[in-house]
Amino acid sequence: MLGTILFSVSNSVKGQEVSAAVFNDSIRNGNVQVFDVRTAGEYNTGHLSNALLADYTKKEEFTERVKYLDKDKTVYIYCLSGGRSAKAASWMRENGFKKVIELEGGINAWKQAGQPVEGVADVKQMTVDAFRSGIDKGEVLVDVGAEWCPPCRKMAPVLEAYLSKHKTVRLLKVDGGRDQDVMQSIKATSLPTFILYKDGREVWRKQGVSEQL
């Protein structure tokens, strides 16, 4: 159940909720940490601009991704209606985050206030056949990740450096929130996952954050 409490949090940790209008004014400059703690499926029904994602109902995913947020910078957090984000924010405050601001009423209240969302999924997922055709010839590096994934963003410069060094390697991106059939076919269960193929055959695979590929 989405309402299940996954982490033990203290009632003594005071939260700070703000309205959609105040929340929007605070994040408008773009140089902030916006944190969506809904599921990937919910995220793809529309999300706030530049929002990172970690599903609070998945303890391992949440605790792994939250590590890549800056504890010294304010985090603006939201979920569907405010329940999950309140629990997540309380846990974060107890674990060293200095300031966590909650969106009162969640994205439901945000939409009702006429505030903008982006990223509504209207693109079909990649087929397994299309994926196989994409890796069939030459060296292809498959990047299973997503814009909303904090460790994926952490790996962006590492990926860029690898491709700059290996000029003959082509990049094929698999969307970790959308391309579920492909992910299942290649057994990619975590984000990010990098797999190098040569003429359709897997050469090596790496998961998570590392200093180099």
N, C-alpha and C. Protein backbone atom coordinates (compact mmCIF):
# COMPACT_ATOMS: atom_id res chain seq x y z
N MET A 1 0.83 -1.20 0.00
CA MET A 1 0.00 0.00 0.00
C MET A 1 0.86 1.24 0.00
N LEU A 2 0.39 2.29 -0.72
CA LEU A 2 1.17 3.50 -0.82
C LEU A 2 1.30 4.19 0.53
N GLY A 3 0.34 3.99 1.40
CA GLY A 3 0.38 4.67 2.68
C GLY A 3 1.22 3.97 3.72
N THR A 4 1.82 2.85 3.40
CA THR A 4 2.61 2.09 4.35
C THR A 4 3.80 2.90 4.84
N ILE A 5 4.03 2.94 6.14
CA ILE A 5 5.18 3.64 6.68
C ILE A 5 6.39 2.73 6.58
N LEU A 6 7.37 3.15 5.81
CA LEU A 6 8.53 2.29 5.57
C LEU A 6 9.67 2.57 6.52
N PHE A 7 9.70 3.79 7.09
CA PHE A 7 10.82 4.15 7.95
C PHE A 7 10.28 4.64 9.28
N SER A 8 11.05 4.41 10.30
CA SER A 8 10.66 4.91 11.61
C SER A 8 11.05 6.36 11.73
N VAL A 9 10.08 7.23 12.00
CA VAL A 9 10.36 8.64 12.14
C VAL A 9 9.77 9.15 13.44
N SER A 10 10.37 10.18 13.98
CA SER A 10 9.94 10.74 15.25
C SER A 10 8.90 11.81 15.05
N ASN A 11 7.91 11.83 15.91
CA ASN A 11 6.88 12.86 15.85
C ASN A 11 7.42 14.23 16.26
N SER A 12 8.62 14.25 16.84
CA SER A 12 9.18 15.51 17.30
C SER A 12 9.82 16.31 16.18
N VAL A 13 9.99 15.71 15.02
CA VAL A 13 10.62 16.41 13.90
C VAL A 13 9.56 17.25 13.20
N LYS A 14 9.64 18.55 13.34
CA LYS A 14 8.64 19.45 12.81
C LYS A 14 8.84 19.66 11.31
N GLY A 15 7.72 19.63 10.58
CA GLY A 15 7.78 19.85 9.15
C GLY A 15 7.42 21.28 8.79
N GLN A 16 7.61 21.61 7.54
CA GLN A 16 7.22 22.90 7.04
C GLN A 16 6.49 22.70 5.72
N GLU A 17 5.21 22.98 5.72
CA GLU A 17 4.40 22.88 4.51
C GLU A 17 4.12 24.28 3.97
N VAL A 18 4.14 24.39 2.64
CA VAL A 18 3.81 25.67 2.02
C VAL A 18 2.80 25.42 0.90
N SER A 19 2.07 26.44 0.53
CA SER A 19 1.07 26.34 -0.52
C SER A 19 1.73 26.17 -1.88
N ALA A 20 0.93 25.80 -2.87
CA ALA A 20 1.44 25.63 -4.23
C ALA A 20 2.06 26.92 -4.75
N ALA A 21 1.43 28.05 -4.46
CA ALA A 21 1.94 29.33 -4.95
C ALA A 21 3.32 29.64 -4.36
N VAL A 22 3.46 29.43 -3.05
CA VAL A 22 4.74 29.69 -2.38
C VAL A 22 5.80 28.69 -2.87
N PHE A 23 5.41 27.44 -2.99
CA PHE A 23 6.31 26.40 -3.48
C PHE A 23 6.83 26.76 -4.87
N ASN A 24 5.93 27.20 -5.74
CA ASN A 24 6.30 27.57 -7.10
C ASN A 24 7.26 28.75 -7.11
N ASP A 25 6.98 29.77 -6.30
CA ASP A 25 7.88 30.93 -6.22
C ASP A 25 9.27 30.51 -5.76
N SER A 26 9.34 29.54 -4.87
CA SER A 26 10.62 29.11 -4.30
C SER A 26 11.48 28.34 -5.28
N ILE A 27 10.84 27.56 -6.17
CA ILE A 27 11.61 26.70 -7.07
C ILE A 27 11.77 27.30 -8.47
N ARG A 28 11.24 28.49 -8.69
CA ARG A 28 11.17 29.05 -10.03
C ARG A 28 12.53 29.27 -10.68
N ASN A 29 13.56 29.57 -9.89
CA ASN A 29 14.86 29.86 -10.51
C ASN A 29 15.55 28.61 -11.06
N GLY A 30 15.05 27.43 -10.72
CA GLY A 30 15.60 26.20 -11.30
C GLY A 30 16.83 25.65 -10.63
N ASN A 31 17.52 26.46 -9.84
CA ASN A 31 18.76 26.01 -9.19
C ASN A 31 18.45 25.49 -7.79
N VAL A 32 17.50 24.56 -7.71
CA VAL A 32 17.08 24.01 -6.43
C VAL A 32 16.91 22.50 -6.56
N GLN A 33 16.73 21.84 -5.41
CA GLN A 33 16.51 20.40 -5.40
C GLN A 33 15.01 20.14 -5.22
N VAL A 34 14.38 19.67 -6.29
CA VAL A 34 12.96 19.33 -6.24
C VAL A 34 12.87 17.81 -6.22
N PHE A 35 12.16 17.26 -5.26
CA PHE A 35 12.20 15.83 -4.99
C PHE A 35 10.79 15.24 -5.00
N ASP A 36 10.54 14.36 -5.94
CA ASP A 36 9.25 13.68 -6.09
C ASP A 36 9.39 12.29 -5.49
N VAL A 37 8.53 11.95 -4.53
CA VAL A 37 8.67 10.65 -3.86
C VAL A 37 7.52 9.70 -4.22
N ARG A 38 6.90 9.92 -5.38
CA ARG A 38 5.87 9.02 -5.89
C ARG A 38 6.52 7.86 -6.65
N THR A 39 5.68 7.02 -7.23
CA THR A 39 6.17 5.92 -8.06
C THR A 39 6.54 6.45 -9.45
N ALA A 40 7.30 5.67 -10.20
CA ALA A 40 7.67 6.06 -11.56
C ALA A 40 6.43 6.21 -12.44
N GLY A 41 5.45 5.35 -12.23
CA GLY A 41 4.21 5.46 -13.00
C GLY A 41 3.49 6.76 -12.73
N GLU A 42 3.42 7.16 -11.47
CA GLU A 42 2.80 8.44 -11.12
C GLU A 42 3.60 9.61 -11.71
N TYR A 43 4.90 9.50 -11.64
CA TYR A 43 5.77 10.56 -12.17
C TYR A 43 5.47 10.81 -13.65
N ASN A 44 5.21 9.74 -14.37
CA ASN A 44 4.96 9.84 -15.81
C ASN A 44 3.56 10.34 -16.15
N THR A 45 2.75 10.62 -15.13
CA THR A 45 1.47 11.27 -15.39
C THR A 45 1.61 12.79 -15.29
N GLY A 46 2.83 13.26 -15.07
CA GLY A 46 3.11 14.69 -14.94
C GLY A 46 3.87 14.97 -13.66
N HIS A 47 4.87 15.84 -13.75
CA HIS A 47 5.69 16.15 -12.59
C HIS A 47 6.15 17.60 -12.66
N LEU A 48 6.73 18.09 -11.58
CA LEU A 48 7.25 19.44 -11.54
C LEU A 48 8.56 19.52 -12.33
N SER A 49 8.86 20.69 -12.83
CA SER A 49 10.06 20.88 -13.64
C SER A 49 11.32 20.52 -12.86
N ASN A 50 12.20 19.76 -13.51
CA ASN A 50 13.51 19.37 -12.95
C ASN A 50 13.41 18.50 -11.70
N ALA A 51 12.27 17.86 -11.49
CA ALA A 51 12.11 17.04 -10.29
C ALA A 51 12.90 15.73 -10.40
N LEU A 52 13.59 15.40 -9.32
CA LEU A 52 14.23 14.11 -9.18
C LEU A 52 13.22 13.16 -8.54
N LEU A 53 13.43 11.86 -8.74
CA LEU A 53 12.44 10.88 -8.26
C LEU A 53 13.08 9.78 -7.43
N ALA A 54 12.42 9.44 -6.33
CA ALA A 54 12.75 8.25 -5.56
C ALA A 54 11.46 7.77 -4.92
N ASP A 55 11.06 6.57 -5.22
CA ASP A 55 9.79 6.02 -4.73
C ASP A 55 9.90 5.73 -3.23
N TYR A 56 9.15 6.48 -2.43
CA TYR A 56 9.22 6.30 -0.98
C TYR A 56 8.71 4.94 -0.53
N THR A 57 7.87 4.31 -1.34
CA THR A 57 7.35 3.00 -0.96
C THR A 57 8.36 1.88 -1.19
N LYS A 58 9.48 2.19 -1.80
CA LYS A 58 10.55 1.21 -2.02
C LYS A 58 11.75 1.64 -1.18
N LYS A 59 11.91 1.05 -0.02
CA LYS A 59 12.91 1.50 0.95
C LYS A 59 14.32 1.53 0.37
N GLU A 60 14.71 0.46 -0.32
CA GLU A 60 16.07 0.38 -0.84
C GLU A 60 16.32 1.46 -1.90
N GLU A 61 15.36 1.64 -2.80
CA GLU A 61 15.50 2.67 -3.84
C GLU A 61 15.58 4.05 -3.21
N PHE A 62 14.70 4.33 -2.27
CA PHE A 62 14.65 5.65 -1.66
C PHE A 62 15.96 5.98 -0.94
N THR A 63 16.43 5.07 -0.09
CA THR A 63 17.64 5.35 0.68
C THR A 63 18.87 5.43 -0.20
N GLU A 64 18.88 4.73 -1.34
CA GLU A 64 20.01 4.82 -2.26
C GLU A 64 20.02 6.16 -2.99
N ARG A 65 18.87 6.54 -3.51
CA ARG A 65 18.83 7.77 -4.32
C ARG A 65 18.96 9.04 -3.49
N VAL A 66 18.43 9.00 -2.27
CA VAL A 66 18.48 10.20 -1.44
C VAL A 66 19.92 10.57 -1.09
N LYS A 67 20.84 9.62 -1.18
CA LYS A 67 22.25 9.88 -0.89
C LYS A 67 22.85 10.91 -1.83
N TYR A 68 22.26 11.08 -3.00
CA TYR A 68 22.83 11.96 -4.00
C TYR A 68 22.24 13.38 -3.96
N LEU A 69 21.46 13.64 -2.93
CA LEU A 69 20.99 15.00 -2.69
C LEU A 69 21.94 15.69 -1.72
N ASP A 70 22.03 17.01 -1.82
CA ASP A 70 22.90 17.80 -0.96
C ASP A 70 22.15 18.12 0.33
N LYS A 71 22.65 17.60 1.44
CA LYS A 71 21.98 17.81 2.72
C LYS A 71 22.01 19.25 3.19
N ASP A 72 22.96 20.02 2.66
CA ASP A 72 23.09 21.41 3.09
C ASP A 72 22.21 22.36 2.29
N LYS A 73 21.64 21.89 1.19
CA LYS A 73 20.75 22.71 0.37
C LYS A 73 19.30 22.34 0.63
N THR A 74 18.43 23.33 0.52
CA THR A 74 17.01 23.08 0.74
C THR A 74 16.46 22.07 -0.27
N VAL A 75 15.66 21.16 0.21
CA VAL A 75 14.98 20.19 -0.64
C VAL A 75 13.49 20.52 -0.65
N TYR A 76 12.90 20.65 -1.83
CA TYR A 76 11.47 20.90 -1.99
C TYR A 76 10.82 19.57 -2.40
N ILE A 77 10.00 19.03 -1.53
CA ILE A 77 9.53 17.66 -1.68
C ILE A 77 8.02 17.60 -1.86
N TYR A 78 7.57 16.62 -2.65
CA TYR A 78 6.13 16.47 -2.84
C TYR A 78 5.80 15.03 -3.23
N CYS A 79 4.51 14.68 -3.08
CA CYS A 79 3.99 13.40 -3.57
C CYS A 79 2.62 13.68 -4.19
N LEU A 80 1.71 12.74 -4.10
CA LEU A 80 0.39 12.94 -4.72
C LEU A 80 -0.48 13.90 -3.92
N SER A 81 -0.58 13.64 -2.61
CA SER A 81 -1.46 14.48 -1.80
C SER A 81 -0.83 14.94 -0.49
N GLY A 82 0.41 14.55 -0.22
CA GLY A 82 1.12 15.04 0.95
C GLY A 82 1.47 14.01 2.00
N GLY A 83 0.87 12.82 1.95
CA GLY A 83 1.13 11.81 2.97
C GLY A 83 2.52 11.22 2.92
N ARG A 84 2.89 10.71 1.76
CA ARG A 84 4.22 10.10 1.62
C ARG A 84 5.33 11.13 1.78
N SER A 85 5.13 12.32 1.22
CA SER A 85 6.18 13.34 1.30
C SER A 85 6.40 13.79 2.74
N ALA A 86 5.33 13.80 3.56
CA ALA A 86 5.48 14.16 4.97
C ALA A 86 6.36 13.14 5.69
N LYS A 87 6.12 11.85 5.44
CA LYS A 87 6.93 10.80 6.06
C LYS A 87 8.38 10.85 5.56
N ALA A 88 8.53 11.03 4.23
CA ALA A 88 9.88 11.09 3.66
C ALA A 88 10.64 12.30 4.18
N ALA A 89 9.97 13.44 4.27
CA ALA A 89 10.61 14.66 4.75
C ALA A 89 11.05 14.51 6.21
N SER A 90 10.19 13.89 7.02
CA SER A 90 10.53 13.67 8.42
C SER A 90 11.76 12.78 8.55
N TRP A 91 11.80 11.71 7.75
CA TRP A 91 12.97 10.82 7.75
C TRP A 91 14.23 11.58 7.33
N MET A 92 14.11 12.42 6.31
CA MET A 92 15.27 13.16 5.82
C MET A 92 15.79 14.13 6.87
N ARG A 93 14.88 14.80 7.58
CA ARG A 93 15.31 15.73 8.63
C ARG A 93 16.05 14.99 9.74
N GLU A 94 15.55 13.80 10.07
CA GLU A 94 16.21 13.01 11.12
C GLU A 94 17.56 12.47 10.66
N ASN A 95 17.78 12.47 9.35
CA ASN A 95 19.03 11.91 8.81
C ASN A 95 19.92 12.99 8.19
N GLY A 96 19.83 14.20 8.71
CA GLY A 96 20.84 15.20 8.42
C GLY A 96 20.51 16.27 7.41
N PHE A 97 19.33 16.22 6.81
CA PHE A 97 18.97 17.27 5.86
C PHE A 97 18.54 18.51 6.62
N LYS A 98 19.15 19.64 6.31
CA LYS A 98 18.97 20.83 7.11
C LYS A 98 17.62 21.50 6.91
N LYS A 99 17.11 21.47 5.67
CA LYS A 99 15.83 22.14 5.42
C LYS A 99 15.07 21.41 4.32
N VAL A 100 13.90 20.92 4.67
CA VAL A 100 13.05 20.20 3.72
C VAL A 100 11.68 20.88 3.73
N ILE A 101 11.27 21.39 2.57
CA ILE A 101 10.00 22.10 2.43
C ILE A 101 9.01 21.20 1.71
N GLU A 102 7.82 21.02 2.30
CA GLU A 102 6.81 20.15 1.73
C GLU A 102 5.75 20.94 0.97
N LEU A 103 5.30 20.37 -0.14
CA LEU A 103 4.20 20.96 -0.91
C LEU A 103 2.88 20.54 -0.27
N GLU A 104 2.18 21.48 0.32
CA GLU A 104 0.93 21.18 0.99
C GLU A 104 -0.11 20.67 0.00
N GLY A 105 -0.65 19.49 0.29
CA GLY A 105 -1.65 18.91 -0.60
C GLY A 105 -1.08 18.18 -1.79
N GLY A 106 0.25 18.15 -1.90
CA GLY A 106 0.91 17.42 -2.99
C GLY A 106 0.62 17.98 -4.38
N ILE A 107 0.92 17.15 -5.37
CA ILE A 107 0.74 17.60 -6.76
C ILE A 107 -0.75 17.76 -7.10
N ASN A 108 -1.63 17.12 -6.34
CA ASN A 108 -3.05 17.34 -6.55
C ASN A 108 -3.41 18.81 -6.32
N ALA A 109 -2.91 19.36 -5.21
CA ALA A 109 -3.16 20.76 -4.89
C ALA A 109 -2.46 21.67 -5.90
N TRP A 110 -1.29 21.25 -6.33
CA TRP A 110 -0.52 22.01 -7.33
C TRP A 110 -1.33 22.15 -8.62
N LYS A 111 -1.89 21.06 -9.09
CA LYS A 111 -2.68 21.09 -10.32
C LYS A 111 -3.95 21.91 -10.14
N GLN A 112 -4.60 21.75 -8.99
CA GLN A 112 -5.83 22.49 -8.72
C GLN A 112 -5.58 23.99 -8.67
N ALA A 113 -4.35 24.37 -8.30
CA ALA A 113 -4.00 25.79 -8.26
C ALA A 113 -3.59 26.32 -9.63
N GLY A 114 -3.64 25.45 -10.64
CA GLY A 114 -3.31 25.88 -11.99
C GLY A 114 -1.83 25.98 -12.27
N GLN A 115 -1.01 25.36 -11.43
CA GLN A 115 0.44 25.39 -11.63
C GLN A 115 0.84 24.37 -12.70
N PRO A 116 1.95 24.63 -13.42
CA PRO A 116 2.31 23.78 -14.55
C PRO A 116 2.97 22.46 -14.16
N VAL A 117 2.71 21.43 -14.96
CA VAL A 117 3.43 20.17 -14.85
C VAL A 117 4.02 19.85 -16.23
N GLU A 118 4.99 18.98 -16.24
CA GLU A 118 5.60 18.58 -17.50
C GLU A 118 5.85 17.09 -17.48
N GLY A 119 6.24 16.56 -18.66
CA GLY A 119 6.64 15.16 -18.74
C GLY A 119 5.52 14.16 -18.76
N VAL A 120 4.31 14.59 -19.11
CA VAL A 120 3.22 13.63 -19.21
C VAL A 120 3.56 12.61 -20.29
N ALA A 121 3.55 11.35 -19.94
CA ALA A 121 4.02 10.31 -20.85
C ALA A 121 3.02 10.11 -21.99
N ASP A 122 3.42 10.53 -23.19
CA ASP A 122 2.59 10.29 -24.37
C ASP A 122 3.40 9.58 -25.46
N VAL A 123 4.57 9.09 -25.07
CA VAL A 123 5.46 8.39 -26.00
C VAL A 123 5.42 6.90 -25.69
N LYS A 124 5.23 6.09 -26.71
CA LYS A 124 5.21 4.65 -26.51
C LYS A 124 6.57 4.14 -26.10
N GLN A 125 6.58 3.08 -25.31
CA GLN A 125 7.85 2.52 -24.89
C GLN A 125 8.55 1.83 -26.06
N MET A 126 9.86 1.74 -25.96
CA MET A 126 10.67 1.07 -26.97
C MET A 126 10.32 -0.41 -27.00
N THR A 127 10.19 -0.98 -28.18
CA THR A 127 9.93 -2.41 -28.28
C THR A 127 11.24 -3.18 -28.14
N VAL A 128 11.11 -4.44 -27.75
CA VAL A 128 12.29 -5.29 -27.63
C VAL A 128 12.93 -5.49 -29.00
N ASP A 129 12.13 -5.60 -30.04
CA ASP A 129 12.67 -5.75 -31.40
C ASP A 129 13.48 -4.53 -31.81
N ALA A 130 12.97 -3.34 -31.50
CA ALA A 130 13.69 -2.11 -31.83
C ALA A 130 15.00 -2.03 -31.07
N PHE A 131 14.97 -2.47 -29.81
CA PHE A 131 16.19 -2.49 -29.02
C PHE A 131 17.22 -3.43 -29.62
N ARG A 132 16.78 -4.64 -29.97
CA ARG A 132 17.70 -5.62 -30.54
C ARG A 132 18.32 -5.11 -31.84
N SER A 133 17.51 -4.42 -32.65
CA SER A 133 18.04 -3.84 -33.89
C SER A 133 19.07 -2.77 -33.59
N GLY A 134 18.86 -2.04 -32.49
CA GLY A 134 19.76 -0.96 -32.13
C GLY A 134 21.12 -1.42 -31.66
N ILE A 135 21.21 -2.64 -31.13
CA ILE A 135 22.49 -3.14 -30.62
C ILE A 135 23.11 -4.19 -31.53
N ASP A 136 22.50 -4.42 -32.68
CA ASP A 136 22.87 -5.55 -33.53
C ASP A 136 24.26 -5.44 -34.14
N LYS A 137 24.69 -4.22 -34.46
CA LYS A 137 25.98 -4.05 -35.16
C LYS A 137 26.87 -3.06 -34.43
N GLY A 138 28.17 -3.40 -34.39
CA GLY A 138 29.16 -2.52 -33.79
C GLY A 138 29.11 -2.52 -32.28
N GLU A 139 29.80 -1.54 -31.70
CA GLU A 139 29.84 -1.40 -30.24
C GLU A 139 28.78 -0.39 -29.82
N VAL A 140 27.92 -0.80 -28.92
CA VAL A 140 26.83 0.05 -28.47
C VAL A 140 26.79 0.04 -26.94
N LEU A 141 26.82 1.23 -26.36
CA LEU A 141 26.69 1.35 -24.91
C LEU A 141 25.24 1.68 -24.58
N VAL A 142 24.59 0.80 -23.87
CA VAL A 142 23.20 1.01 -23.46
C VAL A 142 23.19 1.67 -22.09
N ASP A 143 22.51 2.79 -22.01
CA ASP A 143 22.38 3.54 -20.77
C ASP A 143 20.94 3.42 -20.30
N VAL A 144 20.72 2.61 -19.27
CA VAL A 144 19.39 2.46 -18.69
C VAL A 144 19.29 3.45 -17.53
N GLY A 145 18.58 4.52 -17.74
CA GLY A 145 18.51 5.57 -16.73
C GLY A 145 17.32 6.48 -16.96
N ALA A 146 17.33 7.61 -16.28
CA ALA A 146 16.22 8.55 -16.42
C ALA A 146 16.66 9.91 -15.91
N GLU A 147 16.04 10.96 -16.44
CA GLU A 147 16.36 12.31 -16.02
C GLU A 147 16.03 12.54 -14.55
N TRP A 148 15.02 11.81 -14.05
CA TRP A 148 14.57 12.03 -12.67
C TRP A 148 15.36 11.22 -11.65
N CYS A 149 16.34 10.45 -12.09
CA CYS A 149 17.09 9.55 -11.21
C CYS A 149 18.35 10.24 -10.71
N PRO A 150 18.48 10.54 -9.39
CA PRO A 150 19.66 11.25 -8.88
C PRO A 150 20.99 10.58 -9.22
N PRO A 151 21.18 9.26 -9.01
CA PRO A 151 22.47 8.67 -9.37
C PRO A 151 22.73 8.69 -10.87
N CYS A 152 21.67 8.67 -11.68
CA CYS A 152 21.86 8.78 -13.14
C CYS A 152 22.46 10.13 -13.49
N ARG A 153 21.96 11.17 -12.87
CA ARG A 153 22.52 12.50 -13.11
C ARG A 153 23.96 12.58 -12.63
N LYS A 154 24.24 11.89 -11.54
CA LYS A 154 25.61 11.86 -11.01
C LYS A 154 26.56 11.23 -12.02
N MET A 155 26.07 10.27 -12.79
CA MET A 155 26.90 9.56 -13.75
C MET A 155 27.01 10.26 -15.10
N ALA A 156 26.29 11.34 -15.32
CA ALA A 156 26.28 12.02 -16.62
C ALA A 156 27.69 12.42 -17.10
N PRO A 157 28.52 13.07 -16.26
CA PRO A 157 29.87 13.42 -16.73
C PRO A 157 30.76 12.20 -16.96
N VAL A 158 30.54 11.13 -16.20
CA VAL A 158 31.32 9.90 -16.39
C VAL A 158 30.97 9.28 -17.75
N LEU A 159 29.69 9.27 -18.06
CA LEU A 159 29.23 8.76 -19.35
C LEU A 159 29.79 9.60 -20.49
N GLU A 160 29.76 10.91 -20.34
CA GLU A 160 30.26 11.81 -21.37
C GLU A 160 31.75 11.58 -21.61
N ALA A 161 32.51 11.39 -20.53
CA ALA A 161 33.95 11.16 -20.64
C ALA A 161 34.23 9.83 -21.37
N TYR A 162 33.43 8.81 -21.06
CA TYR A 162 33.61 7.51 -21.71
C TYR A 162 33.38 7.62 -23.22
N LEU A 163 32.32 8.26 -23.61
CA LEU A 163 31.99 8.38 -25.03
C LEU A 163 33.00 9.26 -25.76
N SER A 164 33.55 10.24 -25.06
CA SER A 164 34.58 11.09 -25.66
C SER A 164 35.85 10.31 -25.93
N LYS A 165 36.14 9.36 -25.05
CA LYS A 165 37.36 8.55 -25.19
C LYS A 165 37.16 7.43 -26.20
N HIS A 166 35.95 6.87 -26.27
CA HIS A 166 35.67 5.73 -27.15
C HIS A 166 34.77 6.21 -28.31
N LYS A 167 35.40 6.78 -29.31
CA LYS A 167 34.68 7.45 -30.38
C LYS A 167 33.81 6.51 -31.21
N THR A 168 34.17 5.24 -31.27
CA THR A 168 33.42 4.31 -32.13
C THR A 168 32.20 3.72 -31.45
N VAL A 169 32.05 3.99 -30.16
CA VAL A 169 30.92 3.44 -29.41
C VAL A 169 29.70 4.33 -29.59
N ARG A 170 28.58 3.72 -29.98
CA ARG A 170 27.32 4.44 -30.08
C ARG A 170 26.56 4.32 -28.76
N LEU A 171 25.75 5.33 -28.47
CA LEU A 171 24.96 5.34 -27.24
C LEU A 171 23.50 5.04 -27.56
N LEU A 172 22.92 4.14 -26.78
CA LEU A 172 21.50 3.84 -26.89
C LEU A 172 20.88 4.00 -25.51
N LYS A 173 19.96 4.94 -25.39
CA LYS A 173 19.33 5.21 -24.09
C LYS A 173 18.04 4.40 -23.94
N VAL A 174 17.90 3.79 -22.79
CA VAL A 174 16.68 3.09 -22.42
C VAL A 174 16.06 3.84 -21.25
N ASP A 175 14.83 4.28 -21.39
CA ASP A 175 14.17 5.07 -20.36
C ASP A 175 13.73 4.17 -19.20
N GLY A 176 14.30 4.43 -18.04
CA GLY A 176 14.05 3.59 -16.87
C GLY A 176 12.64 3.70 -16.31
N GLY A 177 11.89 4.69 -16.74
CA GLY A 177 10.52 4.81 -16.28
C GLY A 177 9.50 4.35 -17.29
N ARG A 178 9.94 4.18 -18.54
CA ARG A 178 8.98 3.88 -19.61
C ARG A 178 9.24 2.54 -20.29
N ASP A 179 10.50 2.21 -20.58
CA ASP A 179 10.82 1.06 -21.42
C ASP A 179 10.92 -0.23 -20.60
N GLN A 180 9.81 -0.58 -19.96
CA GLN A 180 9.82 -1.71 -19.04
C GLN A 180 10.03 -3.05 -19.74
N ASP A 181 9.52 -3.22 -20.94
CA ASP A 181 9.69 -4.49 -21.65
C ASP A 181 11.16 -4.74 -21.97
N VAL A 182 11.84 -3.69 -22.43
CA VAL A 182 13.27 -3.81 -22.73
C VAL A 182 14.05 -4.10 -21.46
N MET A 183 13.75 -3.38 -20.39
CA MET A 183 14.46 -3.60 -19.13
C MET A 183 14.30 -5.03 -18.64
N GLN A 184 13.11 -5.56 -18.78
CA GLN A 184 12.87 -6.95 -18.37
C GLN A 184 13.66 -7.92 -19.24
N SER A 185 13.72 -7.63 -20.54
CA SER A 185 14.41 -8.55 -21.46
C SER A 185 15.91 -8.61 -21.21
N ILE A 186 16.50 -7.49 -20.73
CA ILE A 186 17.95 -7.47 -20.50
C ILE A 186 18.27 -7.58 -19.00
N LYS A 187 17.23 -7.80 -18.19
CA LYS A 187 17.38 -7.98 -16.74
C LYS A 187 18.07 -6.78 -16.08
N ALA A 188 17.64 -5.59 -16.47
CA ALA A 188 18.14 -4.37 -15.85
C ALA A 188 17.17 -3.99 -14.74
N THR A 189 17.57 -4.20 -13.50
CA THR A 189 16.66 -4.03 -12.37
C THR A 189 16.93 -2.79 -11.54
N SER A 190 17.99 -2.05 -11.85
CA SER A 190 18.29 -0.86 -11.07
C SER A 190 18.80 0.25 -11.99
N LEU A 191 18.70 1.48 -11.51
CA LEU A 191 19.16 2.64 -12.28
C LEU A 191 20.30 3.33 -11.55
N PRO A 192 21.33 3.76 -12.28
CA PRO A 192 21.55 3.48 -13.71
C PRO A 192 22.20 2.12 -13.91
N THR A 193 22.00 1.56 -15.09
CA THR A 193 22.71 0.36 -15.53
C THR A 193 23.31 0.64 -16.89
N PHE A 194 24.58 0.30 -17.05
CA PHE A 194 25.29 0.49 -18.31
C PHE A 194 25.73 -0.86 -18.84
N ILE A 195 25.39 -1.13 -20.10
CA ILE A 195 25.75 -2.41 -20.72
C ILE A 195 26.40 -2.13 -22.06
N LEU A 196 27.59 -2.70 -22.27
CA LEU A 196 28.26 -2.57 -23.56
C LEU A 196 28.01 -3.82 -24.39
N TYR A 197 27.51 -3.61 -25.59
CA TYR A 197 27.27 -4.71 -26.53
C TYR A 197 28.22 -4.59 -27.71
N LYS A 198 28.64 -5.73 -28.23
CA LYS A 198 29.42 -5.77 -29.46
C LYS A 198 28.75 -6.76 -30.41
N ASP A 199 28.25 -6.22 -31.51
CA ASP A 199 27.50 -7.02 -32.49
C ASP A 199 26.39 -7.83 -31.82
N GLY A 200 25.68 -7.18 -30.91
CA GLY A 200 24.54 -7.80 -30.26
C GLY A 200 24.84 -8.65 -29.05
N ARG A 201 26.11 -8.80 -28.72
CA ARG A 201 26.50 -9.65 -27.58
C ARG A 201 26.97 -8.78 -26.42
N GLU A 202 26.49 -9.08 -25.23
CA GLU A 202 26.89 -8.31 -24.06
C GLU A 202 28.36 -8.56 -23.72
N VAL A 203 29.12 -7.47 -23.58
CA VAL A 203 30.55 -7.55 -23.25
C VAL A 203 30.78 -7.30 -21.77
N TRP A 204 30.18 -6.25 -21.25
CA TRP A 204 30.26 -5.98 -19.81
C TRP A 204 29.06 -5.18 -19.35
N ARG A 205 28.87 -5.16 -18.04
CA ARG A 205 27.74 -4.48 -17.44
C ARG A 205 28.17 -3.85 -16.11
N LYS A 206 27.71 -2.64 -15.87
CA LYS A 206 27.97 -1.97 -14.60
C LYS A 206 26.69 -1.32 -14.11
N GLN A 207 26.49 -1.37 -12.79
CA GLN A 207 25.31 -0.77 -12.18
C GLN A 207 25.72 0.26 -11.13
N GLY A 208 24.90 1.27 -10.98
CA GLY A 208 25.12 2.26 -9.94
C GLY A 208 26.17 3.30 -10.31
N VAL A 209 26.62 4.01 -9.28
CA VAL A 209 27.57 5.11 -9.47
C VAL A 209 29.00 4.61 -9.33
N SER A 210 29.85 5.03 -10.26
CA SER A 210 31.27 4.70 -10.21
C SER A 210 32.06 5.85 -10.80
N GLU A 211 33.36 5.83 -10.60
CA GLU A 211 34.20 6.92 -11.09
C GLU A 211 34.47 6.81 -12.58
N GLN A 212 34.32 5.62 -13.12
CA GLN A 212 34.56 5.45 -14.55
C GLN A 212 33.79 4.24 -15.07
N LEU A 213 33.60 4.22 -16.39
CA LEU A 213 32.95 3.08 -17.03
C LEU A 213 34.01 2.22 -17.70
